[in-house]
């Protein structure tokens, strides 16, 4: 399965430390291999990939035409509700 990143995701990802990027890429590659074990639906076709590291990273994605589209990284658990709302907005504008 192909994974596509939005410009919003790319911008957020570039700000992360290198070791965090490597960790998140491992989890993103699992999505590409159709391993959704750490994922759950959150709203309107948006799913949350949960990475238990430090404060707990979240990546929000959807599936469009068989491709995974990374909408936005939710950052940490404490910004989860705000990030889900932002992911909804991004999805509606795809």
C-alpha atoms as a PDB file:
ATOM      1  CA  UNK A   1       0.000   0.000   0.000  1.00  0.00           C
ATOM      2  CA  UNK A   2       1.327   3.428  -0.883  1.00  0.00           C
ATOM      3  CA  UNK A   3       1.618   6.115   1.779  1.00  0.00           C
ATOM      4  CA  UNK A   4       1.244   9.776   0.823  1.00  0.00           C
ATOM      5  CA  UNK A   5       2.047  12.702   3.087  1.00  0.00           C
ATOM      6  CA  UNK A   6       0.319  16.054   3.106  1.00  0.00           C
ATOM      7  CA  UNK A   7       2.418  19.207   3.174  1.00  0.00           C
ATOM      8  CA  UNK A   8       1.187  19.804   6.730  1.00  0.00           C
ATOM      9  CA  UNK A   9       2.524  16.418   7.804  1.00  0.00           C
ATOM     10  CA  UNK A  10       5.861  17.021   6.060  1.00  0.00           C
ATOM     11  CA  UNK A  11       6.285  20.386   7.768  1.00  0.00           C
ATOM     12  CA  UNK A  12       5.565  18.891  11.206  1.00  0.00           C
ATOM     13  CA  UNK A  13       7.802  15.877  10.584  1.00  0.00           C
ATOM     14  CA  UNK A  14      10.806  18.002   9.568  1.00  0.00           C
ATOM     15  CA  UNK A  15      10.725  19.768  12.951  1.00  0.00           C
ATOM     16  CA  UNK A  16      11.236  16.516  14.878  1.00  0.00           C
ATOM     17  CA  UNK A  17      14.561  15.213  16.138  1.00  0.00           C
ATOM     18  CA  UNK A  18      16.207  12.613  13.925  1.00  0.00           C
ATOM     19  CA  UNK A  19      15.718   9.712  16.338  1.00  0.00           C
ATOM     20  CA  UNK A  20      11.979  10.524  16.600  1.00  0.00           C
ATOM     21  CA  UNK A  21      11.739  10.640  12.805  1.00  0.00           C
ATOM     22  CA  UNK A  22      13.310   7.174  12.549  1.00  0.00           C
ATOM     23  CA  UNK A  23      10.912   5.782  15.142  1.00  0.00           C
ATOM     24  CA  UNK A  24       7.868   7.257  13.396  1.00  0.00           C
ATOM     25  CA  UNK A  25       9.046   6.045   9.984  1.00  0.00           C
ATOM     26  CA  UNK A  26       9.160   2.493  11.325  1.00  0.00           C
ATOM     27  CA  UNK A  27       5.509   2.786  12.305  1.00  0.00           C
ATOM     28  CA  UNK A  28       4.561   4.432   9.012  1.00  0.00           C
ATOM     29  CA  UNK A  29       6.251   1.579   7.143  1.00  0.00           C
ATOM     30  CA  UNK A  30       4.069  -0.844   9.090  1.00  0.00           C
ATOM     31  CA  UNK A  31       1.033   0.990   7.717  1.00  0.00           C
ATOM     32  CA  UNK A  32       2.416   0.587   4.207  1.00  0.00           C
ATOM     33  CA  UNK A  33       2.682  -3.157   4.913  1.00  0.00           C
ATOM     34  CA  UNK A  34      -0.969  -3.089   6.024  1.00  0.00           C
ATOM     35  CA  UNK A  35      -0.143  -3.675   9.688  1.00  0.00           C
ATOM     36  CA  UNK A  36      -2.750  -1.636  11.549  1.00  0.00           C
ATOM     37  CA  UNK A  37      -2.210  -3.178  14.990  1.00  0.00           C
ATOM     38  CA  UNK A  38      -1.612   0.161  16.771  1.00  0.00           C
ATOM     39  CA  UNK A  39      -4.435   1.972  14.975  1.00  0.00           C
ATOM     40  CA  UNK A  40      -7.993   2.818  15.833  1.00  0.00           C
ATOM     41  CA  UNK A  41     -10.746   4.761  14.090  1.00  0.00           C
ATOM     42  CA  UNK A  42     -11.425   8.168  15.616  1.00  0.00           C
ATOM     43  CA  UNK A  43     -13.948   9.903  13.343  1.00  0.00           C
ATOM     44  CA  UNK A  44     -15.277  10.197   9.780  1.00  0.00           C
ATOM     45  CA  UNK A  45     -12.841   7.719   8.215  1.00  0.00           C
ATOM     46  CA  UNK A  46      -9.866   9.116  10.102  1.00  0.00           C
ATOM     47  CA  UNK A  47      -7.678   6.687  12.012  1.00  0.00           C
ATOM     48  CA  UNK A  48      -5.118   7.277  14.720  1.00  0.00           C
ATOM     49  CA  UNK A  49      -1.741   5.554  14.764  1.00  0.00           C
ATOM     50  CA  UNK A  50      -0.560   5.492  18.371  1.00  0.00           C
ATOM     51  CA  UNK A  51       3.151   5.399  19.134  1.00  0.00           C
ATOM     52  CA  UNK A  52       3.954   4.891  22.808  1.00  0.00           C
ATOM     53  CA  UNK A  53       7.167   6.845  23.161  1.00  0.00           C
ATOM     54  CA  UNK A  54       7.858   9.772  25.499  1.00  0.00           C
ATOM     55  CA  UNK A  55       4.605  11.769  25.669  1.00  0.00           C
ATOM     56  CA  UNK A  56       2.898   9.481  23.155  1.00  0.00           C
ATOM     57  CA  UNK A  57       2.914  10.438  19.487  1.00  0.00           C
ATOM     58  CA  UNK A  58      -0.193  10.272  17.308  1.00  0.00           C
ATOM     59  CA  UNK A  59      -0.398  10.256  13.519  1.00  0.00           C
ATOM     60  CA  UNK A  60      -3.770  10.707  11.858  1.00  0.00           C
ATOM     61  CA  UNK A  61      -4.490   9.170   8.471  1.00  0.00           C
ATOM     62  CA  UNK A  62      -7.212   8.129   6.098  1.00  0.00           C
ATOM     63  CA  UNK A  63      -7.480   5.707   3.192  1.00  0.00           C
ATOM     64  CA  UNK A  64      -8.324   7.179  -0.193  1.00  0.00           C
ATOM     65  CA  UNK A  65      -8.519   4.906  -3.231  1.00  0.00           C
ATOM     66  CA  UNK A  66      -6.373   2.255  -1.546  1.00  0.00           C
ATOM     67  CA  UNK A  67      -3.632   4.695  -0.539  1.00  0.00           C
ATOM     68  CA  UNK A  68      -2.884   5.802   2.978  1.00  0.00           C
ATOM     69  CA  UNK A  69      -2.816   9.570   3.281  1.00  0.00           C
ATOM     70  CA  UNK A  70      -1.067  10.954   6.336  1.00  0.00           C
ATOM     71  CA  UNK A  71      -3.084  13.968   7.313  1.00  0.00           C
ATOM     72  CA  UNK A  72      -1.423  15.347  10.354  1.00  0.00           C
ATOM     73  CA  UNK A  73       0.614  14.170  13.236  1.00  0.00           C
ATOM     74  CA  UNK A  74      -1.330  14.624  16.409  1.00  0.00           C
ATOM     75  CA  UNK A  75       1.868  15.247  18.252  1.00  0.00           C
ATOM     76  CA  UNK A  76       1.212  14.188  21.814  1.00  0.00           C
ATOM     77  CA  UNK A  77      -1.665  12.807  23.815  1.00  0.00           C
ATOM     78  CA  UNK A  78      -2.374  16.194  25.396  1.00  0.00           C
ATOM     79  CA  UNK A  79      -3.311  17.804  22.039  1.00  0.00           C
ATOM     80  CA  UNK A  80      -5.301  14.839  20.757  1.00  0.00           C
ATOM     81  CA  UNK A  81      -8.778  16.410  20.458  1.00  0.00           C
ATOM     82  CA  UNK A  82      -7.476  19.520  18.706  1.00  0.00           C
ATOM     83  CA  UNK A  83      -5.406  17.381  16.322  1.00  0.00           C
ATOM     84  CA  UNK A  84      -8.342  15.139  15.426  1.00  0.00           C
ATOM     85  CA  UNK A  85     -10.383  18.229  14.543  1.00  0.00           C
ATOM     86  CA  UNK A  86      -7.536  19.517  12.379  1.00  0.00           C
ATOM     87  CA  UNK A  87      -7.275  16.121  10.643  1.00  0.00           C
ATOM     88  CA  UNK A  88     -11.000  16.304   9.823  1.00  0.00           C
ATOM     89  CA  UNK A  89     -10.531  19.727   8.269  1.00  0.00           C
ATOM     90  CA  UNK A  90      -7.577  18.546   6.197  1.00  0.00           C
ATOM     91  CA  UNK A  91      -9.462  15.482   4.989  1.00  0.00           C
ATOM     92  CA  UNK A  92     -12.425  17.617   3.920  1.00  0.00           C
ATOM     93  CA  UNK A  93     -10.044  19.748   1.816  1.00  0.00           C
ATOM     94  CA  UNK A  94      -8.310  16.865   0.022  1.00  0.00           C
END
